C-alpha atoms as a PDB file:
ATOM      1  CA  UNK A   1       0.186   0.159   0.047  1.00  0.00           C
ATOM      2  CA  UNK A   2       2.574   2.669   0.713  1.00  0.00           C
ATOM      3  CA  UNK A   3       4.355   1.792  -2.270  1.00  0.00           C
ATOM      4  CA  UNK A   4       1.447   2.229  -4.399  1.00  0.00           C
ATOM      5  CA  UNK A   5       0.266   5.263  -2.374  1.00  0.00           C
ATOM      6  CA  UNK A   6       3.951   7.534  -2.848  1.00  0.00           C
ATOM      7  CA  UNK A   7       5.950   6.021  -5.650  1.00  0.00           C
ATOM      8  CA  UNK A   8       2.979   6.671  -8.382  1.00  0.00           C
ATOM      9  CA  UNK A   9       2.637  10.266  -7.155  1.00  0.00           C
ATOM     10  CA  UNK A  10       6.046  11.450  -6.117  1.00  0.00           C
ATOM     11  CA  UNK A  11       8.030   9.475  -9.023  1.00  0.00           C
ATOM     12  CA  UNK A  12       9.629   7.012  -6.600  1.00  0.00           C
ATOM     13  CA  UNK A  13      10.725   9.655  -4.096  1.00  0.00           C
ATOM     14  CA  UNK A  14       9.321   7.421  -1.206  1.00  0.00           C
ATOM     15  CA  UNK A  15      10.748   3.993  -2.530  1.00  0.00           C
ATOM     16  CA  UNK A  16      12.852   3.416   0.078  1.00  0.00           C
ATOM     17  CA  UNK A  17      11.054   4.562   3.256  1.00  0.00           C
ATOM     18  CA  UNK A  18       7.932   1.998   1.533  1.00  0.00           C
ATOM     19  CA  UNK A  19      10.875  -0.714   1.467  1.00  0.00           C
ATOM     20  CA  UNK A  20      11.740  -0.036   4.836  1.00  0.00           C
ATOM     21  CA  UNK A  21       8.219  -0.065   6.330  1.00  0.00           C
ATOM     22  CA  UNK A  22       7.773  -3.181   4.689  1.00  0.00           C
ATOM     23  CA  UNK A  23      10.742  -4.697   6.682  1.00  0.00           C
ATOM     24  CA  UNK A  24       9.684  -3.356   9.444  1.00  0.00           C
ATOM     25  CA  UNK A  25      12.585  -1.193   9.751  1.00  0.00           C
ATOM     26  CA  UNK A  26      10.511   1.612  11.581  1.00  0.00           C
ATOM     27  CA  UNK A  27      13.197   4.044  12.760  1.00  0.00           C
ATOM     28  CA  UNK A  28      15.052   3.800   9.366  1.00  0.00           C
ATOM     29  CA  UNK A  29      12.180   4.887   7.801  1.00  0.00           C
ATOM     30  CA  UNK A  30      11.219   7.854  10.344  1.00  0.00           C
ATOM     31  CA  UNK A  31      15.008   9.018   9.116  1.00  0.00           C
ATOM     32  CA  UNK A  32      14.659   8.679   5.587  1.00  0.00           C
ATOM     33  CA  UNK A  33      11.042  10.408   5.708  1.00  0.00           C
ATOM     34  CA  UNK A  34      12.828  13.301   7.293  1.00  0.00           C
ATOM     35  CA  UNK A  35      15.210  13.357   4.877  1.00  0.00           C
ATOM     36  CA  UNK A  36      12.956  13.672   2.044  1.00  0.00           C
ATOM     37  CA  UNK A  37      11.344  16.224   3.880  1.00  0.00           C
ATOM     38  CA  UNK A  38      14.529  17.958   4.281  1.00  0.00           C
ATOM     39  CA  UNK A  39      15.688  18.128   1.133  1.00  0.00           C
ATOM     40  CA  UNK A  40      12.379  18.628  -1.315  1.00  0.00           C
ATOM     41  CA  UNK A  41      11.129  22.042  -2.260  1.00  0.00           C
ATOM     42  CA  UNK A  42       8.093  20.444  -2.967  1.00  0.00           C
ATOM     43  CA  UNK A  43       5.266  21.392  -0.895  1.00  0.00           C
ATOM     44  CA  UNK A  44       2.997  18.709  -1.171  1.00  0.00           C
ATOM     45  CA  UNK A  45       5.739  16.081  -0.969  1.00  0.00           C
ATOM     46  CA  UNK A  46       6.946  18.064   1.998  1.00  0.00           C
ATOM     47  CA  UNK A  47       3.604  17.387   3.328  1.00  0.00           C
ATOM     48  CA  UNK A  48       3.393  13.648   2.155  1.00  0.00           C
ATOM     49  CA  UNK A  49       6.880  13.078   4.246  1.00  0.00           C
ATOM     50  CA  UNK A  50       5.635  14.267   7.217  1.00  0.00           C
ATOM     51  CA  UNK A  51       3.129  11.934   7.106  1.00  0.00           C
ATOM     52  CA  UNK A  52       5.025   8.707   6.053  1.00  0.00           C
ATOM     53  CA  UNK A  53       7.259   9.747   9.078  1.00  0.00           C
ATOM     54  CA  UNK A  54       4.615   9.980  11.588  1.00  0.00           C
ATOM     55  CA  UNK A  55       3.429   6.518  10.312  1.00  0.00           C
ATOM     56  CA  UNK A  56       6.975   5.332  10.804  1.00  0.00           C
ATOM     57  CA  UNK A  57       6.894   6.265  14.689  1.00  0.00           C
ATOM     58  CA  UNK A  58       3.491   5.454  15.314  1.00  0.00           C
ATOM     59  CA  UNK A  59       4.644   1.714  14.481  1.00  0.00           C
ATOM     60  CA  UNK A  60       7.151   2.527  17.018  1.00  0.00           C
ATOM     61  CA  UNK A  61       4.766   3.390  19.698  1.00  0.00           C
ATOM     62  CA  UNK A  62       6.319   6.858  19.911  1.00  0.00           C
ATOM     63  CA  UNK A  63       3.275   8.971  19.860  1.00  0.00           C
ATOM     64  CA  UNK A  64       4.233  11.924  21.475  1.00  0.00           C
ATOM     65  CA  UNK A  65       7.449  12.658  18.535  1.00  0.00           C
ATOM     66  CA  UNK A  66       4.859  11.314  15.832  1.00  0.00           C
ATOM     67  CA  UNK A  67       2.437  13.972  17.049  1.00  0.00           C
ATOM     68  CA  UNK A  68       5.094  16.897  17.771  1.00  0.00           C
ATOM     69  CA  UNK A  69       6.171  15.738  13.998  1.00  0.00           C
ATOM     70  CA  UNK A  70       2.865  16.299  12.104  1.00  0.00           C
ATOM     71  CA  UNK A  71       2.323  19.503  14.187  1.00  0.00           C
ATOM     72  CA  UNK A  72       4.738  20.876  11.383  1.00  0.00           C
ATOM     73  CA  UNK A  73       2.055  20.144   8.528  1.00  0.00           C
ATOM     74  CA  UNK A  74       0.346  22.939   7.402  1.00  0.00           C
ATOM     75  CA  UNK A  75      -3.154  21.050   5.922  1.00  0.00           C
ATOM     76  CA  UNK A  76      -4.590  24.615   4.331  1.00  0.00           C
ATOM     77  CA  UNK A  77      -4.721  24.749   0.405  1.00  0.00           C
ATOM     78  CA  UNK A  78      -4.119  20.930  -0.002  1.00  0.00           C
ATOM     79  CA  UNK A  79      -6.105  18.400  -1.529  1.00  0.00           C
ATOM     80  CA  UNK A  80      -9.130  17.219   0.431  1.00  0.00           C
ATOM     81  CA  UNK A  81      -7.495  13.760   0.505  1.00  0.00           C
ATOM     82  CA  UNK A  82      -3.657  15.287   2.290  1.00  0.00           C
ATOM     83  CA  UNK A  83      -6.212  17.236   4.661  1.00  0.00           C
ATOM     84  CA  UNK A  84      -8.241  14.534   5.518  1.00  0.00           C
ATOM     85  CA  UNK A  85      -4.985  12.304   6.668  1.00  0.00           C
ATOM     86  CA  UNK A  86      -3.517  15.279   7.948  1.00  0.00           C
ATOM     87  CA  UNK A  87      -6.480  15.657  10.508  1.00  0.00           C
ATOM     88  CA  UNK A  88      -6.964  12.120  10.821  1.00  0.00           C
ATOM     89  CA  UNK A  89      -4.009  11.378  11.745  1.00  0.00           C
ATOM     90  CA  UNK A  90      -3.930  14.067  14.294  1.00  0.00           C
ATOM     91  CA  UNK A  91      -6.947  12.722  16.040  1.00  0.00           C
ATOM     92  CA  UNK A  92      -5.758   9.834  16.130  1.00  0.00           C
ATOM     93  CA  UNK A  93      -2.765  10.478  17.798  1.00  0.00           C
ATOM     94  CA  UNK A  94      -4.408  12.882  20.422  1.00  0.00           C
ATOM     95  CA  UNK A  95      -6.312   9.767  21.256  1.00  0.00           C
ATOM     96  CA  UNK A  96      -3.259   7.343  21.868  1.00  0.00           C
ATOM     97  CA  UNK A  97      -1.821  10.263  23.929  1.00  0.00           C
ATOM     98  CA  UNK A  98      -4.989  10.372  25.937  1.00  0.00           C
ATOM     99  CA  UNK A  99      -5.594  13.957  25.080  1.00  0.00           C
ATOM    100  CA  UNK A 100      -9.230  13.458  25.193  1.00  0.00           C
ATOM    101  CA  UNK A 101     -10.499  16.993  25.266  1.00  0.00           C
ATOM    102  CA  UNK A 102      -8.082  17.138  21.814  1.00  0.00           C
ATOM    103  CA  UNK A 103     -10.031  14.752  20.167  1.00  0.00           C
ATOM    104  CA  UNK A 104     -12.670  16.419  20.311  1.00  0.00           C
ATOM    105  CA  UNK A 105     -11.318  19.830  19.322  1.00  0.00           C
ATOM    106  CA  UNK A 106      -9.355  17.861  16.366  1.00  0.00           C
ATOM    107  CA  UNK A 107     -12.451  16.121  15.036  1.00  0.00           C
ATOM    108  CA  UNK A 108     -14.665  19.065  15.118  1.00  0.00           C
ATOM    109  CA  UNK A 109     -11.699  20.849  13.022  1.00  0.00           C
ATOM    110  CA  UNK A 110     -11.666  18.007  10.560  1.00  0.00           C
ATOM    111  CA  UNK A 111     -15.599  18.119  10.102  1.00  0.00           C
ATOM    112  CA  UNK A 112     -15.316  21.683   9.322  1.00  0.00           C
ATOM    113  CA  UNK A 113     -12.248  21.218   6.666  1.00  0.00           C
ATOM    114  CA  UNK A 114     -13.145  17.792   5.060  1.00  0.00           C
ATOM    115  CA  UNK A 115     -16.893  17.935   3.749  1.00  0.00           C
ATOM    116  CA  UNK A 116     -16.537  14.392   2.349  1.00  0.00           C
ATOM    117  CA  UNK A 117     -18.953  12.682   4.654  1.00  0.00           C
ATOM    118  CA  UNK A 118     -17.403   9.447   3.938  1.00  0.00           C
ATOM    119  CA  UNK A 119     -14.032  10.299   5.196  1.00  0.00           C
ATOM    120  CA  UNK A 120     -15.952  11.877   7.895  1.00  0.00           C
ATOM    121  CA  UNK A 121     -17.027   8.601   8.923  1.00  0.00           C
ATOM    122  CA  UNK A 122     -13.668   7.082   8.627  1.00  0.00           C
ATOM    123  CA  UNK A 123     -12.903   9.124  11.190  1.00  0.00           C
ATOM    124  CA  UNK A 124     -16.040   9.340  13.232  1.00  0.00           C
ATOM    125  CA  UNK A 125     -15.416   7.158  16.250  1.00  0.00           C
ATOM    126  CA  UNK A 126     -12.436   8.949  17.673  1.00  0.00           C
ATOM    127  CA  UNK A 127     -14.843  11.600  19.543  1.00  0.00           C
ATOM    128  CA  UNK A 128     -16.979   9.040  20.766  1.00  0.00           C
ATOM    129  CA  UNK A 129     -14.229   6.887  22.167  1.00  0.00           C
ATOM    130  CA  UNK A 130     -13.078  10.721  23.763  1.00  0.00           C
ATOM    131  CA  UNK A 131     -16.374  11.111  25.521  1.00  0.00           C
ATOM    132  CA  UNK A 132     -15.990   7.917  27.363  1.00  0.00           C
ATOM    133  CA  UNK A 133     -12.762   8.663  28.526  1.00  0.00           C
ATOM    134  CA  UNK A 134     -13.958  11.777  29.589  1.00  0.00           C
ATOM    135  CA  UNK A 135     -17.083   9.500  31.550  1.00  0.00           C
ATOM    136  CA  UNK A 136     -19.563  12.146  29.362  1.00  0.00           C
ATOM    137  CA  UNK A 137     -21.437   9.009  29.000  1.00  0.00           C
ATOM    138  CA  UNK A 138     -24.772  10.358  28.139  1.00  0.00           C
ATOM    139  CA  UNK A 139     -23.080  12.421  25.087  1.00  0.00           C
ATOM    140  CA  UNK A 140     -21.222   9.504  24.386  1.00  0.00           C
ATOM    141  CA  UNK A 141     -24.419   7.540  23.498  1.00  0.00           C
ATOM    142  CA  UNK A 142     -26.015   9.929  21.918  1.00  0.00           C
ATOM    143  CA  UNK A 143     -23.019  10.546  19.508  1.00  0.00           C
ATOM    144  CA  UNK A 144     -22.810   6.633  18.984  1.00  0.00           C
ATOM    145  CA  UNK A 145     -26.615   6.123  18.096  1.00  0.00           C
ATOM    146  CA  UNK A 146     -26.027   9.086  15.427  1.00  0.00           C
ATOM    147  CA  UNK A 147     -22.727   7.377  14.246  1.00  0.00           C
ATOM    148  CA  UNK A 148     -24.271   3.915  14.150  1.00  0.00           C
ATOM    149  CA  UNK A 149     -27.796   5.639  12.364  1.00  0.00           C
ATOM    150  CA  UNK A 150     -25.348   6.939   9.301  1.00  0.00           C
ATOM    151  CA  UNK A 151     -23.460   3.698   9.209  1.00  0.00           C
ATOM    152  CA  UNK A 152     -27.041   2.406   8.816  1.00  0.00           C
ATOM    153  CA  UNK A 153     -26.182   0.125  11.721  1.00  0.00           C
ATOM    154  CA  UNK A 154     -29.021  -1.586  13.842  1.00  0.00           C
ATOM    155  CA  UNK A 155     -28.160  -3.259  17.209  1.00  0.00           C
ATOM    156  CA  UNK A 156     -28.929  -2.718  21.123  1.00  0.00           C
ATOM    157  CA  UNK A 157     -26.414  -0.300  22.773  1.00  0.00           C
ATOM    158  CA  UNK A 158     -23.926  -1.417  25.284  1.00  0.00           C
ATOM    159  CA  UNK A 159     -25.184  -1.492  28.973  1.00  0.00           C
ATOM    160  CA  UNK A 160     -25.705   1.311  31.317  1.00  0.00           C
ATOM    161  CA  UNK A 161     -22.207   3.010  32.863  1.00  0.00           C
ATOM    162  CA  UNK A 162     -21.358   1.984  36.173  1.00  0.00           C
ATOM    163  CA  UNK A 163     -22.994   3.201  39.443  1.00  0.00           C
ATOM    164  CA  UNK A 164     -20.352   5.374  41.575  1.00  0.00           C
ATOM    165  CA  UNK A 165     -19.881   5.734  44.759  1.00  0.00           C
ATOM    166  CA  UNK A 166     -18.780   9.218  46.540  1.00  0.00           C
ATOM    167  CA  UNK A 167     -14.811   9.528  47.757  1.00  0.00           C
ATOM    168  CA  UNK A 168     -16.366  12.377  49.968  1.00  0.00           C
ATOM    169  CA  UNK A 169     -18.815  10.115  51.550  1.00  0.00           C
ATOM    170  CA  UNK A 170     -16.332   7.490  52.304  1.00  0.00           C
ATOM    171  CA  UNK A 171     -13.890   9.723  53.827  1.00  0.00           C
ATOM    172  CA  UNK A 172     -17.161  11.361  56.178  1.00  0.00           C
ATOM    173  CA  UNK A 173     -18.305   8.080  57.267  1.00  0.00           C
ATOM    174  CA  UNK A 174     -14.366   6.955  58.509  1.00  0.00           C
ATOM    175  CA  UNK A 175     -14.298  10.338  60.054  1.00  0.00           C
ATOM    176  CA  UNK A 176     -17.695   9.703  61.990  1.00  0.00           C
ATOM    177  CA  UNK A 177     -17.248   5.749  62.354  1.00  0.00           C
ATOM    178  CA  UNK A 178     -13.529   4.811  61.815  1.00  0.00           C
ATOM    179  CA  UNK A 179     -13.181   2.136  59.321  1.00  0.00           C
ATOM    180  CA  UNK A 180     -16.776   2.386  57.796  1.00  0.00           C
ATOM    181  CA  UNK A 181     -15.657   4.345  54.923  1.00  0.00           C
ATOM    182  CA  UNK A 182     -13.240   1.613  53.939  1.00  0.00           C
ATOM    183  CA  UNK A 183     -16.238  -1.087  54.048  1.00  0.00           C
ATOM    184  CA  UNK A 184     -18.490   1.508  51.729  1.00  0.00           C
ATOM    185  CA  UNK A 185     -15.376   1.415  49.405  1.00  0.00           C
ATOM    186  CA  UNK A 186     -15.519  -2.262  49.394  1.00  0.00           C
ATOM    187  CA  UNK A 187     -12.600  -2.841  51.361  1.00  0.00           C
ATOM    188  CA  UNK A 188     -14.524  -4.564  54.769  1.00  0.00           C
ATOM    189  CA  UNK A 189     -11.255  -6.358  56.067  1.00  0.00           C
ATOM    190  CA  UNK A 190      -8.951  -3.184  55.493  1.00  0.00           C
ATOM    191  CA  UNK A 191     -12.086  -1.506  57.441  1.00  0.00           C
ATOM    192  CA  UNK A 192     -12.276  -3.221  60.364  1.00  0.00           C
ATOM    193  CA  UNK A 193      -8.648  -3.789  60.696  1.00  0.00           C
ATOM    194  CA  UNK A 194      -8.613  -0.007  60.716  1.00  0.00           C
ATOM    195  CA  UNK A 195     -11.021   0.484  63.615  1.00  0.00           C
ATOM    196  CA  UNK A 196      -9.481  -2.404  65.631  1.00  0.00           C
ATOM    197  CA  UNK A 197      -6.053  -0.226  65.035  1.00  0.00           C
ATOM    198  CA  UNK A 198      -7.532   2.481  66.337  1.00  0.00           C
ATOM    199  CA  UNK A 199      -9.489   1.034  69.563  1.00  0.00           C
ATOM    200  CA  UNK A 200      -5.896  -0.759  70.566  1.00  0.00           C
ATOM    201  CA  UNK A 201      -4.058   2.493  70.180  1.00  0.00           C
ATOM    202  CA  UNK A 202      -6.703   4.518  72.232  1.00  0.00           C
ATOM    203  CA  UNK A 203      -6.731   1.716  75.075  1.00  0.00           C
ATOM    204  CA  UNK A 204      -2.998   1.848  75.167  1.00  0.00           C
ATOM    205  CA  UNK A 205      -3.440   5.462  75.591  1.00  0.00           C
ATOM    206  CA  UNK A 206      -6.124   5.045  78.505  1.00  0.00           C
ATOM    207  CA  UNK A 207      -4.067   2.156  80.098  1.00  0.00           C
ATOM    208  CA  UNK A 208      -0.780   4.527  80.244  1.00  0.00           C
ATOM    209  CA  UNK A 209      -2.688   7.332  81.181  1.00  0.00           C
ATOM    210  CA  UNK A 210      -4.233   4.815  84.186  1.00  0.00           C
ATOM    211  CA  UNK A 211      -1.282   3.715  85.113  1.00  0.00           C
ATOM    212  CA  UNK A 212       0.429   7.307  85.137  1.00  0.00           C
ATOM    213  CA  UNK A 213       2.759   7.341  82.407  1.00  0.00           C
ATOM    214  CA  UNK A 214       0.941  10.444  80.774  1.00  0.00           C
ATOM    215  CA  UNK A 215       3.950  10.772  78.516  1.00  0.00           C
ATOM    216  CA  UNK A 216       3.981   7.741  76.856  1.00  0.00           C
ATOM    217  CA  UNK A 217      -0.037   8.132  76.736  1.00  0.00           C
ATOM    218  CA  UNK A 218       0.446  11.485  75.003  1.00  0.00           C
ATOM    219  CA  UNK A 219       2.973  10.920  72.495  1.00  0.00           C
ATOM    220  CA  UNK A 220       2.692   6.970  71.961  1.00  0.00           C
ATOM    221  CA  UNK A 221      -1.180   6.124  72.439  1.00  0.00           C
ATOM    222  CA  UNK A 222      -2.626   9.412  71.273  1.00  0.00           C
ATOM    223  CA  UNK A 223       0.027   9.841  68.127  1.00  0.00           C
ATOM    224  CA  UNK A 224      -0.715   6.041  67.172  1.00  0.00           C
ATOM    225  CA  UNK A 225      -4.107   7.037  67.238  1.00  0.00           C
ATOM    226  CA  UNK A 226      -4.188   9.993  65.191  1.00  0.00           C
ATOM    227  CA  UNK A 227      -1.883   8.333  62.338  1.00  0.00           C
ATOM    228  CA  UNK A 228      -4.401   5.447  62.261  1.00  0.00           C
ATOM    229  CA  UNK A 229      -7.679   8.108  62.074  1.00  0.00           C
ATOM    230  CA  UNK A 230      -6.238   9.897  59.521  1.00  0.00           C
ATOM    231  CA  UNK A 231      -4.797   7.765  57.703  1.00  0.00           C
ATOM    232  CA  UNK A 232      -8.028   6.020  57.533  1.00  0.00           C
ATOM    233  CA  UNK A 233      -9.939   8.756  56.486  1.00  0.00           C
ATOM    234  CA  UNK A 234      -7.257   9.049  53.584  1.00  0.00           C
ATOM    235  CA  UNK A 235      -7.641   5.112  52.718  1.00  0.00           C
ATOM    236  CA  UNK A 236     -11.462   5.453  52.901  1.00  0.00           C
ATOM    237  CA  UNK A 237     -11.042   8.207  50.259  1.00  0.00           C
ATOM    238  CA  UNK A 238      -8.507   6.681  47.840  1.00  0.00           C
ATOM    239  CA  UNK A 239     -10.337   3.594  47.746  1.00  0.00           C
ATOM    240  CA  UNK A 240     -13.690   5.347  46.643  1.00  0.00           C
ATOM    241  CA  UNK A 241     -11.677   7.080  43.889  1.00  0.00           C
ATOM    242  CA  UNK A 242      -9.594   3.895  42.786  1.00  0.00           C
ATOM    243  CA  UNK A 243     -12.570   1.404  42.490  1.00  0.00           C
ATOM    244  CA  UNK A 244     -14.866   4.429  40.630  1.00  0.00           C
ATOM    245  CA  UNK A 245     -11.426   4.605  37.997  1.00  0.00           C
ATOM    246  CA  UNK A 246     -11.526   0.579  37.856  1.00  0.00           C
ATOM    247  CA  UNK A 247     -15.245   0.325  37.007  1.00  0.00           C
ATOM    248  CA  UNK A 248     -15.088   3.304  34.573  1.00  0.00           C
ATOM    249  CA  UNK A 249     -12.236   1.881  32.941  1.00  0.00           C
ATOM    250  CA  UNK A 250     -13.684  -1.446  32.782  1.00  0.00           C
ATOM    251  CA  UNK A 251     -16.838  -0.094  31.114  1.00  0.00           C
ATOM    252  CA  UNK A 252     -15.108   2.178  28.530  1.00  0.00           C
ATOM    253  CA  UNK A 253     -13.075  -0.719  27.431  1.00  0.00           C
ATOM    254  CA  UNK A 254     -15.664  -3.243  27.201  1.00  0.00           C
ATOM    255  CA  UNK A 255     -17.683  -0.493  25.106  1.00  0.00           C
ATOM    256  CA  UNK A 256     -14.629   0.635  23.299  1.00  0.00           C
ATOM    257  CA  UNK A 257     -14.140  -3.194  22.198  1.00  0.00           C
ATOM    258  CA  UNK A 258     -18.116  -3.355  20.689  1.00  0.00           C
ATOM    259  CA  UNK A 259     -17.644   0.209  19.074  1.00  0.00           C
ATOM    260  CA  UNK A 260     -14.699  -1.148  17.127  1.00  0.00           C
ATOM    261  CA  UNK A 261     -15.961  -4.968  16.311  1.00  0.00           C
ATOM    262  CA  UNK A 262     -19.346  -3.562  15.313  1.00  0.00           C
ATOM    263  CA  UNK A 263     -18.248  -0.559  12.561  1.00  0.00           C
ATOM    264  CA  UNK A 264     -15.155  -2.317  11.524  1.00  0.00           C
ATOM    265  CA  UNK A 265     -16.948  -4.190   8.586  1.00  0.00           C
ATOM    266  CA  UNK A 266     -18.874  -1.126   7.658  1.00  0.00           C
ATOM    267  CA  UNK A 267     -15.671   1.285   7.549  1.00  0.00           C
ATOM    268  CA  UNK A 268     -13.850  -1.619   6.186  1.00  0.00           C
ATOM    269  CA  UNK A 269     -16.028  -1.563   2.874  1.00  0.00           C
ATOM    270  CA  UNK A 270     -15.837   2.078   2.952  1.00  0.00           C
ATOM    271  CA  UNK A 271     -12.296   2.366   2.635  1.00  0.00           C
ATOM    272  CA  UNK A 272     -12.416  -0.067  -0.449  1.00  0.00           C
ATOM    273  CA  UNK A 273     -15.140   2.055  -2.022  1.00  0.00           C
ATOM    274  CA  UNK A 274     -12.381   4.837  -1.866  1.00  0.00           C
ATOM    275  CA  UNK A 275      -9.548   3.674  -4.146  1.00  0.00           C
ATOM    276  CA  UNK A 276      -7.869   7.140  -4.408  1.00  0.00           C
ATOM    277  CA  UNK A 277      -7.670   7.018  -0.752  1.00  0.00           C
ATOM    278  CA  UNK A 278      -4.998   4.522   0.482  1.00  0.00           C
ATOM    279  CA  UNK A 279      -6.034   4.408   4.426  1.00  0.00           C
ATOM    280  CA  UNK A 280      -3.647   3.824   6.712  1.00  0.00           C
ATOM    281  CA  UNK A 281      -3.962   3.552  10.740  1.00  0.00           C
END
């Protein structure tokens, strides 16, 4: 695909890059694309060289460098095909870099700059995935339904988002009843242990006070109780936050896989129908 895309259009200037990509020598391919960019005086060839280097860096998993590389590209005034490729790659790299707000902004820019509805659909799943990661689940659900309708795909949407617990409530519970916040967050054993440690430290302080060891009662018993008490509050809030994060990540992962599996056949058909747009992820 790479060789057909560039050799025909650029008189073989990307032959070496194409060969390196085919041999999976992605680092060398990145250097070769940069060489083409540096030596060429043709703007279109330079923009294609930036795309070529982006693909090589993306194969290396170096998404940050790939994104910084593509920031040098100026899509304005180029063909619709090249504009689309540049905006799509920017959007995809923002997703891979976990810049969810950036994905939404670049997707809006893509839809404004590139009017071809089929090309818009080929990138249309990315803002939905970004909304999922931002936990804007209602918006994601609405956009997903619109997107599937455009692809003429019917089917039940995935289940409801996970129930979330309140980290603030977990902290308050452990403030007034030690250990209860951890139990609320699903850590029953730790909650009972926290309660037990605080009772033991209080008992130790009280015993030393009763026997006249006031300094030991204050600094040992009181100090231990204070550490366990405030530590328990922090742990309760942490566990609640972590539980929400894990549940959200699992839900998003399942929905993302569901979306991609569902739309991939339709997107493959559209890619095949656009023979003048060799497509690369």
